[in-house]
Structures are given as structure tokens and as C-alpha cells.
PDBML (XML) file of the C-alpha atoms, coordinates in Angstrom:
<?xml version="1.0" encoding="UTF-8" ?>
<PDBx:datablock datablockName="MODEL"
   xmlns:PDBx="http://pdbml.pdb.org/schema/pdbx-v50.xsd"
   xmlns:xsi="http://www.w3.org/2001/XMLSchema-instance"
   xsi:schemaLocation="http://pdbml.pdb.org/schema/pdbx-v50.xsd pdbx-v50.xsd">
   <PDBx:atom_siteCategory>
      <PDBx:atom_site id="1">
         <PDBx:B_iso_or_equiv>0.00</PDBx:B_iso_or_equiv>
         <PDBx:Cartn_x>58.247</PDBx:Cartn_x>
         <PDBx:Cartn_y>24.338</PDBx:Cartn_y>
         <PDBx:Cartn_z>20.882</PDBx:Cartn_z>
         <PDBx:auth_asym_id>A</PDBx:auth_asym_id>
         <PDBx:auth_atom_id>CA</PDBx:auth_atom_id>
         <PDBx:auth_comp_id>VAL</PDBx:auth_comp_id>
         <PDBx:auth_seq_id>1</PDBx:auth_seq_id>
         <PDBx:group_PDB>ATOM</PDBx:group_PDB>
         <PDBx:label_alt_id xsi:nil="true" />
         <PDBx:label_asym_id>A</PDBx:label_asym_id>
         <PDBx:label_atom_id>CA</PDBx:label_atom_id>
         <PDBx:label_comp_id>VAL</PDBx:label_comp_id>
         <PDBx:label_entity_id>1</PDBx:label_entity_id>
         <PDBx:label_seq_id>1</PDBx:label_seq_id>
         <PDBx:occupancy>1.00</PDBx:occupancy>
         <PDBx:pdbx_PDB_model_num>1</PDBx:pdbx_PDB_model_num>
         <PDBx:type_symbol>C</PDBx:type_symbol>
      </PDBx:atom_site>
      <PDBx:atom_site id="2">
         <PDBx:B_iso_or_equiv>0.00</PDBx:B_iso_or_equiv>
         <PDBx:Cartn_x>58.300</PDBx:Cartn_x>
         <PDBx:Cartn_y>28.075</PDBx:Cartn_y>
         <PDBx:Cartn_z>21.628</PDBx:Cartn_z>
         <PDBx:auth_asym_id>A</PDBx:auth_asym_id>
         <PDBx:auth_atom_id>CA</PDBx:auth_atom_id>
         <PDBx:auth_comp_id>VAL</PDBx:auth_comp_id>
         <PDBx:auth_seq_id>2</PDBx:auth_seq_id>
         <PDBx:group_PDB>ATOM</PDBx:group_PDB>
         <PDBx:label_alt_id xsi:nil="true" />
         <PDBx:label_asym_id>A</PDBx:label_asym_id>
         <PDBx:label_atom_id>CA</PDBx:label_atom_id>
         <PDBx:label_comp_id>VAL</PDBx:label_comp_id>
         <PDBx:label_entity_id>1</PDBx:label_entity_id>
         <PDBx:label_seq_id>2</PDBx:label_seq_id>
         <PDBx:occupancy>1.00</PDBx:occupancy>
         <PDBx:pdbx_PDB_model_num>1</PDBx:pdbx_PDB_model_num>
         <PDBx:type_symbol>C</PDBx:type_symbol>
      </PDBx:atom_site>
      <PDBx:atom_site id="3">
         <PDBx:B_iso_or_equiv>0.00</PDBx:B_iso_or_equiv>
         <PDBx:Cartn_x>58.295</PDBx:Cartn_x>
         <PDBx:Cartn_y>29.630</PDBx:Cartn_y>
         <PDBx:Cartn_z>18.166</PDBx:Cartn_z>
         <PDBx:auth_asym_id>A</PDBx:auth_asym_id>
         <PDBx:auth_atom_id>CA</PDBx:auth_atom_id>
         <PDBx:auth_comp_id>PHE</PDBx:auth_comp_id>
         <PDBx:auth_seq_id>3</PDBx:auth_seq_id>
         <PDBx:group_PDB>ATOM</PDBx:group_PDB>
         <PDBx:label_alt_id xsi:nil="true" />
         <PDBx:label_asym_id>A</PDBx:label_asym_id>
         <PDBx:label_atom_id>CA</PDBx:label_atom_id>
         <PDBx:label_comp_id>PHE</PDBx:label_comp_id>
         <PDBx:label_entity_id>1</PDBx:label_entity_id>
         <PDBx:label_seq_id>3</PDBx:label_seq_id>
         <PDBx:occupancy>1.00</PDBx:occupancy>
         <PDBx:pdbx_PDB_model_num>1</PDBx:pdbx_PDB_model_num>
         <PDBx:type_symbol>C</PDBx:type_symbol>
      </PDBx:atom_site>
      <PDBx:atom_site id="4">
         <PDBx:B_iso_or_equiv>0.00</PDBx:B_iso_or_equiv>
         <PDBx:Cartn_x>56.458</PDBx:Cartn_x>
         <PDBx:Cartn_y>26.861</PDBx:Cartn_y>
         <PDBx:Cartn_z>16.360</PDBx:Cartn_z>
         <PDBx:auth_asym_id>A</PDBx:auth_asym_id>
         <PDBx:auth_atom_id>CA</PDBx:auth_atom_id>
         <PDBx:auth_comp_id>GLY</PDBx:auth_comp_id>
         <PDBx:auth_seq_id>4</PDBx:auth_seq_id>
         <PDBx:group_PDB>ATOM</PDBx:group_PDB>
         <PDBx:label_alt_id xsi:nil="true" />
         <PDBx:label_asym_id>A</PDBx:label_asym_id>
         <PDBx:label_atom_id>CA</PDBx:label_atom_id>
         <PDBx:label_comp_id>GLY</PDBx:label_comp_id>
         <PDBx:label_entity_id>1</PDBx:label_entity_id>
         <PDBx:label_seq_id>4</PDBx:label_seq_id>
         <PDBx:occupancy>1.00</PDBx:occupancy>
         <PDBx:pdbx_PDB_model_num>1</PDBx:pdbx_PDB_model_num>
         <PDBx:type_symbol>C</PDBx:type_symbol>
      </PDBx:atom_site>
      <PDBx:atom_site id="5">
         <PDBx:B_iso_or_equiv>0.00</PDBx:B_iso_or_equiv>
         <PDBx:Cartn_x>53.706</PDBx:Cartn_x>
         <PDBx:Cartn_y>26.421</PDBx:Cartn_y>
         <PDBx:Cartn_z>18.928</PDBx:Cartn_z>
         <PDBx:auth_asym_id>A</PDBx:auth_asym_id>
         <PDBx:auth_atom_id>CA</PDBx:auth_atom_id>
         <PDBx:auth_comp_id>ALA</PDBx:auth_comp_id>
         <PDBx:auth_seq_id>5</PDBx:auth_seq_id>
         <PDBx:group_PDB>ATOM</PDBx:group_PDB>
         <PDBx:label_alt_id xsi:nil="true" />
         <PDBx:label_asym_id>A</PDBx:label_asym_id>
         <PDBx:label_atom_id>CA</PDBx:label_atom_id>
         <PDBx:label_comp_id>ALA</PDBx:label_comp_id>
         <PDBx:label_entity_id>1</PDBx:label_entity_id>
         <PDBx:label_seq_id>5</PDBx:label_seq_id>
         <PDBx:occupancy>1.00</PDBx:occupancy>
         <PDBx:pdbx_PDB_model_num>1</PDBx:pdbx_PDB_model_num>
         <PDBx:type_symbol>C</PDBx:type_symbol>
      </PDBx:atom_site>
      <PDBx:atom_site id="6">
         <PDBx:B_iso_or_equiv>0.00</PDBx:B_iso_or_equiv>
         <PDBx:Cartn_x>53.313</PDBx:Cartn_x>
         <PDBx:Cartn_y>29.934</PDBx:Cartn_y>
         <PDBx:Cartn_z>20.341</PDBx:Cartn_z>
         <PDBx:auth_asym_id>A</PDBx:auth_asym_id>
         <PDBx:auth_atom_id>CA</PDBx:auth_atom_id>
         <PDBx:auth_comp_id>ALA</PDBx:auth_comp_id>
         <PDBx:auth_seq_id>6</PDBx:auth_seq_id>
         <PDBx:group_PDB>ATOM</PDBx:group_PDB>
         <PDBx:label_alt_id xsi:nil="true" />
         <PDBx:label_asym_id>A</PDBx:label_asym_id>
         <PDBx:label_atom_id>CA</PDBx:label_atom_id>
         <PDBx:label_comp_id>ALA</PDBx:label_comp_id>
         <PDBx:label_entity_id>1</PDBx:label_entity_id>
         <PDBx:label_seq_id>6</PDBx:label_seq_id>
         <PDBx:occupancy>1.00</PDBx:occupancy>
         <PDBx:pdbx_PDB_model_num>1</PDBx:pdbx_PDB_model_num>
         <PDBx:type_symbol>C</PDBx:type_symbol>
      </PDBx:atom_site>
      <PDBx:atom_site id="7">
         <PDBx:B_iso_or_equiv>0.00</PDBx:B_iso_or_equiv>
         <PDBx:Cartn_x>54.008</PDBx:Cartn_x>
         <PDBx:Cartn_y>32.097</PDBx:Cartn_y>
         <PDBx:Cartn_z>17.290</PDBx:Cartn_z>
         <PDBx:auth_asym_id>A</PDBx:auth_asym_id>
         <PDBx:auth_atom_id>CA</PDBx:auth_atom_id>
         <PDBx:auth_comp_id>ILE</PDBx:auth_comp_id>
         <PDBx:auth_seq_id>7</PDBx:auth_seq_id>
         <PDBx:group_PDB>ATOM</PDBx:group_PDB>
         <PDBx:label_alt_id xsi:nil="true" />
         <PDBx:label_asym_id>A</PDBx:label_asym_id>
         <PDBx:label_atom_id>CA</PDBx:label_atom_id>
         <PDBx:label_comp_id>ILE</PDBx:label_comp_id>
         <PDBx:label_entity_id>1</PDBx:label_entity_id>
         <PDBx:label_seq_id>7</PDBx:label_seq_id>
         <PDBx:occupancy>1.00</PDBx:occupancy>
         <PDBx:pdbx_PDB_model_num>1</PDBx:pdbx_PDB_model_num>
         <PDBx:type_symbol>C</PDBx:type_symbol>
      </PDBx:atom_site>
      <PDBx:atom_site id="8">
         <PDBx:B_iso_or_equiv>0.00</PDBx:B_iso_or_equiv>
         <PDBx:Cartn_x>53.023</PDBx:Cartn_x>
         <PDBx:Cartn_y>29.412</PDBx:Cartn_y>
         <PDBx:Cartn_z>14.786</PDBx:Cartn_z>
         <PDBx:auth_asym_id>A</PDBx:auth_asym_id>
         <PDBx:auth_atom_id>CA</PDBx:auth_atom_id>
         <PDBx:auth_comp_id>GLY</PDBx:auth_comp_id>
         <PDBx:auth_seq_id>8</PDBx:auth_seq_id>
         <PDBx:group_PDB>ATOM</PDBx:group_PDB>
         <PDBx:label_alt_id xsi:nil="true" />
         <PDBx:label_asym_id>A</PDBx:label_asym_id>
         <PDBx:label_atom_id>CA</PDBx:label_atom_id>
         <PDBx:label_comp_id>GLY</PDBx:label_comp_id>
         <PDBx:label_entity_id>1</PDBx:label_entity_id>
         <PDBx:label_seq_id>8</PDBx:label_seq_id>
         <PDBx:occupancy>1.00</PDBx:occupancy>
         <PDBx:pdbx_PDB_model_num>1</PDBx:pdbx_PDB_model_num>
         <PDBx:type_symbol>C</PDBx:type_symbol>
      </PDBx:atom_site>
      <PDBx:atom_site id="9">
         <PDBx:B_iso_or_equiv>0.00</PDBx:B_iso_or_equiv>
         <PDBx:Cartn_x>49.479</PDBx:Cartn_x>
         <PDBx:Cartn_y>29.477</PDBx:Cartn_y>
         <PDBx:Cartn_z>16.127</PDBx:Cartn_z>
         <PDBx:auth_asym_id>A</PDBx:auth_asym_id>
         <PDBx:auth_atom_id>CA</PDBx:auth_atom_id>
         <PDBx:auth_comp_id>SER</PDBx:auth_comp_id>
         <PDBx:auth_seq_id>9</PDBx:auth_seq_id>
         <PDBx:group_PDB>ATOM</PDBx:group_PDB>
         <PDBx:label_alt_id xsi:nil="true" />
         <PDBx:label_asym_id>A</PDBx:label_asym_id>
         <PDBx:label_atom_id>CA</PDBx:label_atom_id>
         <PDBx:label_comp_id>SER</PDBx:label_comp_id>
         <PDBx:label_entity_id>1</PDBx:label_entity_id>
         <PDBx:label_seq_id>9</PDBx:label_seq_id>
         <PDBx:occupancy>1.00</PDBx:occupancy>
         <PDBx:pdbx_PDB_model_num>1</PDBx:pdbx_PDB_model_num>
         <PDBx:type_symbol>C</PDBx:type_symbol>
      </PDBx:atom_site>
      <PDBx:atom_site id="10">
         <PDBx:B_iso_or_equiv>0.00</PDBx:B_iso_or_equiv>
         <PDBx:Cartn_x>49.275</PDBx:Cartn_x>
         <PDBx:Cartn_y>33.136</PDBx:Cartn_y>
         <PDBx:Cartn_z>15.090</PDBx:Cartn_z>
         <PDBx:auth_asym_id>A</PDBx:auth_asym_id>
         <PDBx:auth_atom_id>CA</PDBx:auth_atom_id>
         <PDBx:auth_comp_id>ARG</PDBx:auth_comp_id>
         <PDBx:auth_seq_id>10</PDBx:auth_seq_id>
         <PDBx:group_PDB>ATOM</PDBx:group_PDB>
         <PDBx:label_alt_id xsi:nil="true" />
         <PDBx:label_asym_id>A</PDBx:label_asym_id>
         <PDBx:label_atom_id>CA</PDBx:label_atom_id>
         <PDBx:label_comp_id>ARG</PDBx:label_comp_id>
         <PDBx:label_entity_id>1</PDBx:label_entity_id>
         <PDBx:label_seq_id>10</PDBx:label_seq_id>
         <PDBx:occupancy>1.00</PDBx:occupancy>
         <PDBx:pdbx_PDB_model_num>1</PDBx:pdbx_PDB_model_num>
         <PDBx:type_symbol>C</PDBx:type_symbol>
      </PDBx:atom_site>
      <PDBx:atom_site id="11">
         <PDBx:B_iso_or_equiv>0.00</PDBx:B_iso_or_equiv>
         <PDBx:Cartn_x>51.416</PDBx:Cartn_x>
         <PDBx:Cartn_y>32.993</PDBx:Cartn_y>
         <PDBx:Cartn_z>11.921</PDBx:Cartn_z>
         <PDBx:auth_asym_id>A</PDBx:auth_asym_id>
         <PDBx:auth_atom_id>CA</PDBx:auth_atom_id>
         <PDBx:auth_comp_id>ILE</PDBx:auth_comp_id>
         <PDBx:auth_seq_id>11</PDBx:auth_seq_id>
         <PDBx:group_PDB>ATOM</PDBx:group_PDB>
         <PDBx:label_alt_id xsi:nil="true" />
         <PDBx:label_asym_id>A</PDBx:label_asym_id>
         <PDBx:label_atom_id>CA</PDBx:label_atom_id>
         <PDBx:label_comp_id>ILE</PDBx:label_comp_id>
         <PDBx:label_entity_id>1</PDBx:label_entity_id>
         <PDBx:label_seq_id>11</PDBx:label_seq_id>
         <PDBx:occupancy>1.00</PDBx:occupancy>
         <PDBx:pdbx_PDB_model_num>1</PDBx:pdbx_PDB_model_num>
         <PDBx:type_symbol>C</PDBx:type_symbol>
      </PDBx:atom_site>
      <PDBx:atom_site id="12">
         <PDBx:B_iso_or_equiv>0.00</PDBx:B_iso_or_equiv>
         <PDBx:Cartn_x>50.249</PDBx:Cartn_x>
         <PDBx:Cartn_y>29.821</PDBx:Cartn_y>
         <PDBx:Cartn_z>10.183</PDBx:Cartn_z>
         <PDBx:auth_asym_id>A</PDBx:auth_asym_id>
         <PDBx:auth_atom_id>CA</PDBx:auth_atom_id>
         <PDBx:auth_comp_id>THR</PDBx:auth_comp_id>
         <PDBx:auth_seq_id>12</PDBx:auth_seq_id>
         <PDBx:group_PDB>ATOM</PDBx:group_PDB>
         <PDBx:label_alt_id xsi:nil="true" />
         <PDBx:label_asym_id>A</PDBx:label_asym_id>
         <PDBx:label_atom_id>CA</PDBx:label_atom_id>
         <PDBx:label_comp_id>THR</PDBx:label_comp_id>
         <PDBx:label_entity_id>1</PDBx:label_entity_id>
         <PDBx:label_seq_id>12</PDBx:label_seq_id>
         <PDBx:occupancy>1.00</PDBx:occupancy>
         <PDBx:pdbx_PDB_model_num>1</PDBx:pdbx_PDB_model_num>
         <PDBx:type_symbol>C</PDBx:type_symbol>
      </PDBx:atom_site>
      <PDBx:atom_site id="13">
         <PDBx:B_iso_or_equiv>0.00</PDBx:B_iso_or_equiv>
         <PDBx:Cartn_x>52.130</PDBx:Cartn_x>
         <PDBx:Cartn_y>30.326</PDBx:Cartn_y>
         <PDBx:Cartn_z>6.904</PDBx:Cartn_z>
         <PDBx:auth_asym_id>A</PDBx:auth_asym_id>
         <PDBx:auth_atom_id>CA</PDBx:auth_atom_id>
         <PDBx:auth_comp_id>GLU</PDBx:auth_comp_id>
         <PDBx:auth_seq_id>13</PDBx:auth_seq_id>
         <PDBx:group_PDB>ATOM</PDBx:group_PDB>
         <PDBx:label_alt_id xsi:nil="true" />
         <PDBx:label_asym_id>A</PDBx:label_asym_id>
         <PDBx:label_atom_id>CA</PDBx:label_atom_id>
         <PDBx:label_comp_id>GLU</PDBx:label_comp_id>
         <PDBx:label_entity_id>1</PDBx:label_entity_id>
         <PDBx:label_seq_id>13</PDBx:label_seq_id>
         <PDBx:occupancy>1.00</PDBx:occupancy>
         <PDBx:pdbx_PDB_model_num>1</PDBx:pdbx_PDB_model_num>
         <PDBx:type_symbol>C</PDBx:type_symbol>
      </PDBx:atom_site>
      <PDBx:atom_site id="14">
         <PDBx:B_iso_or_equiv>0.00</PDBx:B_iso_or_equiv>
         <PDBx:Cartn_x>54.941</PDBx:Cartn_x>
         <PDBx:Cartn_y>32.398</PDBx:Cartn_y>
         <PDBx:Cartn_z>5.438</PDBx:Cartn_z>
         <PDBx:auth_asym_id>A</PDBx:auth_asym_id>
         <PDBx:auth_atom_id>CA</PDBx:auth_atom_id>
         <PDBx:auth_comp_id>VAL</PDBx:auth_comp_id>
         <PDBx:auth_seq_id>14</PDBx:auth_seq_id>
         <PDBx:group_PDB>ATOM</PDBx:group_PDB>
         <PDBx:label_alt_id xsi:nil="true" />
         <PDBx:label_asym_id>A</PDBx:label_asym_id>
         <PDBx:label_atom_id>CA</PDBx:label_atom_id>
         <PDBx:label_comp_id>VAL</PDBx:label_comp_id>
         <PDBx:label_entity_id>1</PDBx:label_entity_id>
         <PDBx:label_seq_id>14</PDBx:label_seq_id>
         <PDBx:occupancy>1.00</PDBx:occupancy>
         <PDBx:pdbx_PDB_model_num>1</PDBx:pdbx_PDB_model_num>
         <PDBx:type_symbol>C</PDBx:type_symbol>
      </PDBx:atom_site>
      <PDBx:atom_site id="15">
         <PDBx:B_iso_or_equiv>0.00</PDBx:B_iso_or_equiv>
         <PDBx:Cartn_x>54.958</PDBx:Cartn_x>
         <PDBx:Cartn_y>32.581</PDBx:Cartn_y>
         <PDBx:Cartn_z>1.641</PDBx:Cartn_z>
         <PDBx:auth_asym_id>A</PDBx:auth_asym_id>
         <PDBx:auth_atom_id>CA</PDBx:auth_atom_id>
         <PDBx:auth_comp_id>GLU</PDBx:auth_comp_id>
         <PDBx:auth_seq_id>15</PDBx:auth_seq_id>
         <PDBx:group_PDB>ATOM</PDBx:group_PDB>
         <PDBx:label_alt_id xsi:nil="true" />
         <PDBx:label_asym_id>A</PDBx:label_asym_id>
         <PDBx:label_atom_id>CA</PDBx:label_atom_id>
         <PDBx:label_comp_id>GLU</PDBx:label_comp_id>
         <PDBx:label_entity_id>1</PDBx:label_entity_id>
         <PDBx:label_seq_id>15</PDBx:label_seq_id>
         <PDBx:occupancy>1.00</PDBx:occupancy>
         <PDBx:pdbx_PDB_model_num>1</PDBx:pdbx_PDB_model_num>
         <PDBx:type_symbol>C</PDBx:type_symbol>
      </PDBx:atom_site>
      <PDBx:atom_site id="16">
         <PDBx:B_iso_or_equiv>0.00</PDBx:B_iso_or_equiv>
         <PDBx:Cartn_x>52.937</PDBx:Cartn_x>
         <PDBx:Cartn_y>29.381</PDBx:Cartn_y>
         <PDBx:Cartn_z>1.418</PDBx:Cartn_z>
         <PDBx:auth_asym_id>A</PDBx:auth_asym_id>
         <PDBx:auth_atom_id>CA</PDBx:auth_atom_id>
         <PDBx:auth_comp_id>GLY</PDBx:auth_comp_id>
         <PDBx:auth_seq_id>16</PDBx:auth_seq_id>
         <PDBx:group_PDB>ATOM</PDBx:group_PDB>
         <PDBx:label_alt_id xsi:nil="true" />
         <PDBx:label_asym_id>A</PDBx:label_asym_id>
         <PDBx:label_atom_id>CA</PDBx:label_atom_id>
         <PDBx:label_comp_id>GLY</PDBx:label_comp_id>
         <PDBx:label_entity_id>1</PDBx:label_entity_id>
         <PDBx:label_seq_id>16</PDBx:label_seq_id>
         <PDBx:occupancy>1.00</PDBx:occupancy>
         <PDBx:pdbx_PDB_model_num>1</PDBx:pdbx_PDB_model_num>
         <PDBx:type_symbol>C</PDBx:type_symbol>
      </PDBx:atom_site>
      <PDBx:atom_site id="17">
         <PDBx:B_iso_or_equiv>0.00</PDBx:B_iso_or_equiv>
         <PDBx:Cartn_x>55.112</PDBx:Cartn_x>
         <PDBx:Cartn_y>27.403</PDBx:Cartn_y>
         <PDBx:Cartn_z>3.851</PDBx:Cartn_z>
         <PDBx:auth_asym_id>A</PDBx:auth_asym_id>
         <PDBx:auth_atom_id>CA</PDBx:auth_atom_id>
         <PDBx:auth_comp_id>VAL</PDBx:auth_comp_id>
         <PDBx:auth_seq_id>17</PDBx:auth_seq_id>
         <PDBx:group_PDB>ATOM</PDBx:group_PDB>
         <PDBx:label_alt_id xsi:nil="true" />
         <PDBx:label_asym_id>A</PDBx:label_asym_id>
         <PDBx:label_atom_id>CA</PDBx:label_atom_id>
         <PDBx:label_comp_id>VAL</PDBx:label_comp_id>
         <PDBx:label_entity_id>1</PDBx:label_entity_id>
         <PDBx:label_seq_id>17</PDBx:label_seq_id>
         <PDBx:occupancy>1.00</PDBx:occupancy>
         <PDBx:pdbx_PDB_model_num>1</PDBx:pdbx_PDB_model_num>
         <PDBx:type_symbol>C</PDBx:type_symbol>
      </PDBx:atom_site>
      <PDBx:atom_site id="18">
         <PDBx:B_iso_or_equiv>0.00</PDBx:B_iso_or_equiv>
         <PDBx:Cartn_x>53.998</PDBx:Cartn_x>
         <PDBx:Cartn_y>26.481</PDBx:Cartn_y>
         <PDBx:Cartn_z>7.367</PDBx:Cartn_z>
         <PDBx:auth_asym_id>A</PDBx:auth_asym_id>
         <PDBx:auth_atom_id>CA</PDBx:auth_atom_id>
         <PDBx:auth_comp_id>SER</PDBx:auth_comp_id>
         <PDBx:auth_seq_id>18</PDBx:auth_seq_id>
         <PDBx:group_PDB>ATOM</PDBx:group_PDB>
         <PDBx:label_alt_id xsi:nil="true" />
         <PDBx:label_asym_id>A</PDBx:label_asym_id>
         <PDBx:label_atom_id>CA</PDBx:label_atom_id>
         <PDBx:label_comp_id>SER</PDBx:label_comp_id>
         <PDBx:label_entity_id>1</PDBx:label_entity_id>
         <PDBx:label_seq_id>18</PDBx:label_seq_id>
         <PDBx:occupancy>1.00</PDBx:occupancy>
         <PDBx:pdbx_PDB_model_num>1</PDBx:pdbx_PDB_model_num>
         <PDBx:type_symbol>C</PDBx:type_symbol>
      </PDBx:atom_site>
      <PDBx:atom_site id="19">
         <PDBx:B_iso_or_equiv>0.00</PDBx:B_iso_or_equiv>
         <PDBx:Cartn_x>55.739</PDBx:Cartn_x>
         <PDBx:Cartn_y>28.628</PDBx:Cartn_y>
         <PDBx:Cartn_z>9.948</PDBx:Cartn_z>
         <PDBx:auth_asym_id>A</PDBx:auth_asym_id>
         <PDBx:auth_atom_id>CA</PDBx:auth_atom_id>
         <PDBx:auth_comp_id>TYR</PDBx:auth_comp_id>
         <PDBx:auth_seq_id>19</PDBx:auth_seq_id>
         <PDBx:group_PDB>ATOM</PDBx:group_PDB>
         <PDBx:label_alt_id xsi:nil="true" />
         <PDBx:label_asym_id>A</PDBx:label_asym_id>
         <PDBx:label_atom_id>CA</PDBx:label_atom_id>
         <PDBx:label_comp_id>TYR</PDBx:label_comp_id>
         <PDBx:label_entity_id>1</PDBx:label_entity_id>
         <PDBx:label_seq_id>19</PDBx:label_seq_id>
         <PDBx:occupancy>1.00</PDBx:occupancy>
         <PDBx:pdbx_PDB_model_num>1</PDBx:pdbx_PDB_model_num>
         <PDBx:type_symbol>C</PDBx:type_symbol>
      </PDBx:atom_site>
      <PDBx:atom_site id="20">
         <PDBx:B_iso_or_equiv>0.00</PDBx:B_iso_or_equiv>
         <PDBx:Cartn_x>57.299</PDBx:Cartn_x>
         <PDBx:Cartn_y>25.635</PDBx:Cartn_y>
         <PDBx:Cartn_z>11.709</PDBx:Cartn_z>
         <PDBx:auth_asym_id>A</PDBx:auth_asym_id>
         <PDBx:auth_atom_id>CA</PDBx:auth_atom_id>
         <PDBx:auth_comp_id>GLY</PDBx:auth_comp_id>
         <PDBx:auth_seq_id>20</PDBx:auth_seq_id>
         <PDBx:group_PDB>ATOM</PDBx:group_PDB>
         <PDBx:label_alt_id xsi:nil="true" />
         <PDBx:label_asym_id>A</PDBx:label_asym_id>
         <PDBx:label_atom_id>CA</PDBx:label_atom_id>
         <PDBx:label_comp_id>GLY</PDBx:label_comp_id>
         <PDBx:label_entity_id>1</PDBx:label_entity_id>
         <PDBx:label_seq_id>20</PDBx:label_seq_id>
         <PDBx:occupancy>1.00</PDBx:occupancy>
         <PDBx:pdbx_PDB_model_num>1</PDBx:pdbx_PDB_model_num>
         <PDBx:type_symbol>C</PDBx:type_symbol>
      </PDBx:atom_site>
      <PDBx:atom_site id="21">
         <PDBx:B_iso_or_equiv>0.00</PDBx:B_iso_or_equiv>
         <PDBx:Cartn_x>58.861</PDBx:Cartn_x>
         <PDBx:Cartn_y>24.420</PDBx:Cartn_y>
         <PDBx:Cartn_z>8.454</PDBx:Cartn_z>
         <PDBx:auth_asym_id>A</PDBx:auth_asym_id>
         <PDBx:auth_atom_id>CA</PDBx:auth_atom_id>
         <PDBx:auth_comp_id>ALA</PDBx:auth_comp_id>
         <PDBx:auth_seq_id>21</PDBx:auth_seq_id>
         <PDBx:group_PDB>ATOM</PDBx:group_PDB>
         <PDBx:label_alt_id xsi:nil="true" />
         <PDBx:label_asym_id>A</PDBx:label_asym_id>
         <PDBx:label_atom_id>CA</PDBx:label_atom_id>
         <PDBx:label_comp_id>ALA</PDBx:label_comp_id>
         <PDBx:label_entity_id>1</PDBx:label_entity_id>
         <PDBx:label_seq_id>21</PDBx:label_seq_id>
         <PDBx:occupancy>1.00</PDBx:occupancy>
         <PDBx:pdbx_PDB_model_num>1</PDBx:pdbx_PDB_model_num>
         <PDBx:type_symbol>C</PDBx:type_symbol>
      </PDBx:atom_site>
      <PDBx:atom_site id="22">
         <PDBx:B_iso_or_equiv>0.00</PDBx:B_iso_or_equiv>
         <PDBx:Cartn_x>59.907</PDBx:Cartn_x>
         <PDBx:Cartn_y>27.990</PDBx:Cartn_y>
         <PDBx:Cartn_z>7.587</PDBx:Cartn_z>
         <PDBx:auth_asym_id>A</PDBx:auth_asym_id>
         <PDBx:auth_atom_id>CA</PDBx:auth_atom_id>
         <PDBx:auth_comp_id>PHE</PDBx:auth_comp_id>
         <PDBx:auth_seq_id>22</PDBx:auth_seq_id>
         <PDBx:group_PDB>ATOM</PDBx:group_PDB>
         <PDBx:label_alt_id xsi:nil="true" />
         <PDBx:label_asym_id>A</PDBx:label_asym_id>
         <PDBx:label_atom_id>CA</PDBx:label_atom_id>
         <PDBx:label_comp_id>PHE</PDBx:label_comp_id>
         <PDBx:label_entity_id>1</PDBx:label_entity_id>
         <PDBx:label_seq_id>22</PDBx:label_seq_id>
         <PDBx:occupancy>1.00</PDBx:occupancy>
         <PDBx:pdbx_PDB_model_num>1</PDBx:pdbx_PDB_model_num>
         <PDBx:type_symbol>C</PDBx:type_symbol>
      </PDBx:atom_site>
      <PDBx:atom_site id="23">
         <PDBx:B_iso_or_equiv>0.00</PDBx:B_iso_or_equiv>
         <PDBx:Cartn_x>61.966</PDBx:Cartn_x>
         <PDBx:Cartn_y>28.102</PDBx:Cartn_y>
         <PDBx:Cartn_z>10.776</PDBx:Cartn_z>
         <PDBx:auth_asym_id>A</PDBx:auth_asym_id>
         <PDBx:auth_atom_id>CA</PDBx:auth_atom_id>
         <PDBx:auth_comp_id>LEU</PDBx:auth_comp_id>
         <PDBx:auth_seq_id>23</PDBx:auth_seq_id>
         <PDBx:group_PDB>ATOM</PDBx:group_PDB>
         <PDBx:label_alt_id xsi:nil="true" />
         <PDBx:label_asym_id>A</PDBx:label_asym_id>
         <PDBx:label_atom_id>CA</PDBx:label_atom_id>
         <PDBx:label_comp_id>LEU</PDBx:label_comp_id>
         <PDBx:label_entity_id>1</PDBx:label_entity_id>
         <PDBx:label_seq_id>23</PDBx:label_seq_id>
         <PDBx:occupancy>1.00</PDBx:occupancy>
         <PDBx:pdbx_PDB_model_num>1</PDBx:pdbx_PDB_model_num>
         <PDBx:type_symbol>C</PDBx:type_symbol>
      </PDBx:atom_site>
      <PDBx:atom_site id="24">
         <PDBx:B_iso_or_equiv>0.00</PDBx:B_iso_or_equiv>
         <PDBx:Cartn_x>64.110</PDBx:Cartn_x>
         <PDBx:Cartn_y>25.073</PDBx:Cartn_y>
         <PDBx:Cartn_z>9.922</PDBx:Cartn_z>
         <PDBx:auth_asym_id>A</PDBx:auth_asym_id>
         <PDBx:auth_atom_id>CA</PDBx:auth_atom_id>
         <PDBx:auth_comp_id>VAL</PDBx:auth_comp_id>
         <PDBx:auth_seq_id>24</PDBx:auth_seq_id>
         <PDBx:group_PDB>ATOM</PDBx:group_PDB>
         <PDBx:label_alt_id xsi:nil="true" />
         <PDBx:label_asym_id>A</PDBx:label_asym_id>
         <PDBx:label_atom_id>CA</PDBx:label_atom_id>
         <PDBx:label_comp_id>VAL</PDBx:label_comp_id>
         <PDBx:label_entity_id>1</PDBx:label_entity_id>
         <PDBx:label_seq_id>24</PDBx:label_seq_id>
         <PDBx:occupancy>1.00</PDBx:occupancy>
         <PDBx:pdbx_PDB_model_num>1</PDBx:pdbx_PDB_model_num>
         <PDBx:type_symbol>C</PDBx:type_symbol>
      </PDBx:atom_site>
      <PDBx:atom_site id="25">
         <PDBx:B_iso_or_equiv>0.00</PDBx:B_iso_or_equiv>
         <PDBx:Cartn_x>66.717</PDBx:Cartn_x>
         <PDBx:Cartn_y>26.687</PDBx:Cartn_y>
         <PDBx:Cartn_z>7.583</PDBx:Cartn_z>
         <PDBx:auth_asym_id>A</PDBx:auth_asym_id>
         <PDBx:auth_atom_id>CA</PDBx:auth_atom_id>
         <PDBx:auth_comp_id>PRO</PDBx:auth_comp_id>
         <PDBx:auth_seq_id>25</PDBx:auth_seq_id>
         <PDBx:group_PDB>ATOM</PDBx:group_PDB>
         <PDBx:label_alt_id xsi:nil="true" />
         <PDBx:label_asym_id>A</PDBx:label_asym_id>
         <PDBx:label_atom_id>CA</PDBx:label_atom_id>
         <PDBx:label_comp_id>PRO</PDBx:label_comp_id>
         <PDBx:label_entity_id>1</PDBx:label_entity_id>
         <PDBx:label_seq_id>25</PDBx:label_seq_id>
         <PDBx:occupancy>1.00</PDBx:occupancy>
         <PDBx:pdbx_PDB_model_num>1</PDBx:pdbx_PDB_model_num>
         <PDBx:type_symbol>C</PDBx:type_symbol>
      </PDBx:atom_site>
   </PDBx:atom_siteCategory>
</PDBx:datablock>
């Protein structure tokens, strides 16, 4: 909720992966 929504709105992708999915591992 915090990282995915707040930061994810500014960092949409990391190395071609959505930021929310990048967080999972």
C-alpha cells in the first residue's frame, strides 16, 4: 500500500518490471 501506491506512482518500472511486482521478492 505504502511503497506500491506512493512510490510506485513515481517509479513505474524497474528494469522492465512494475515497481509493485519488483518489491515482492
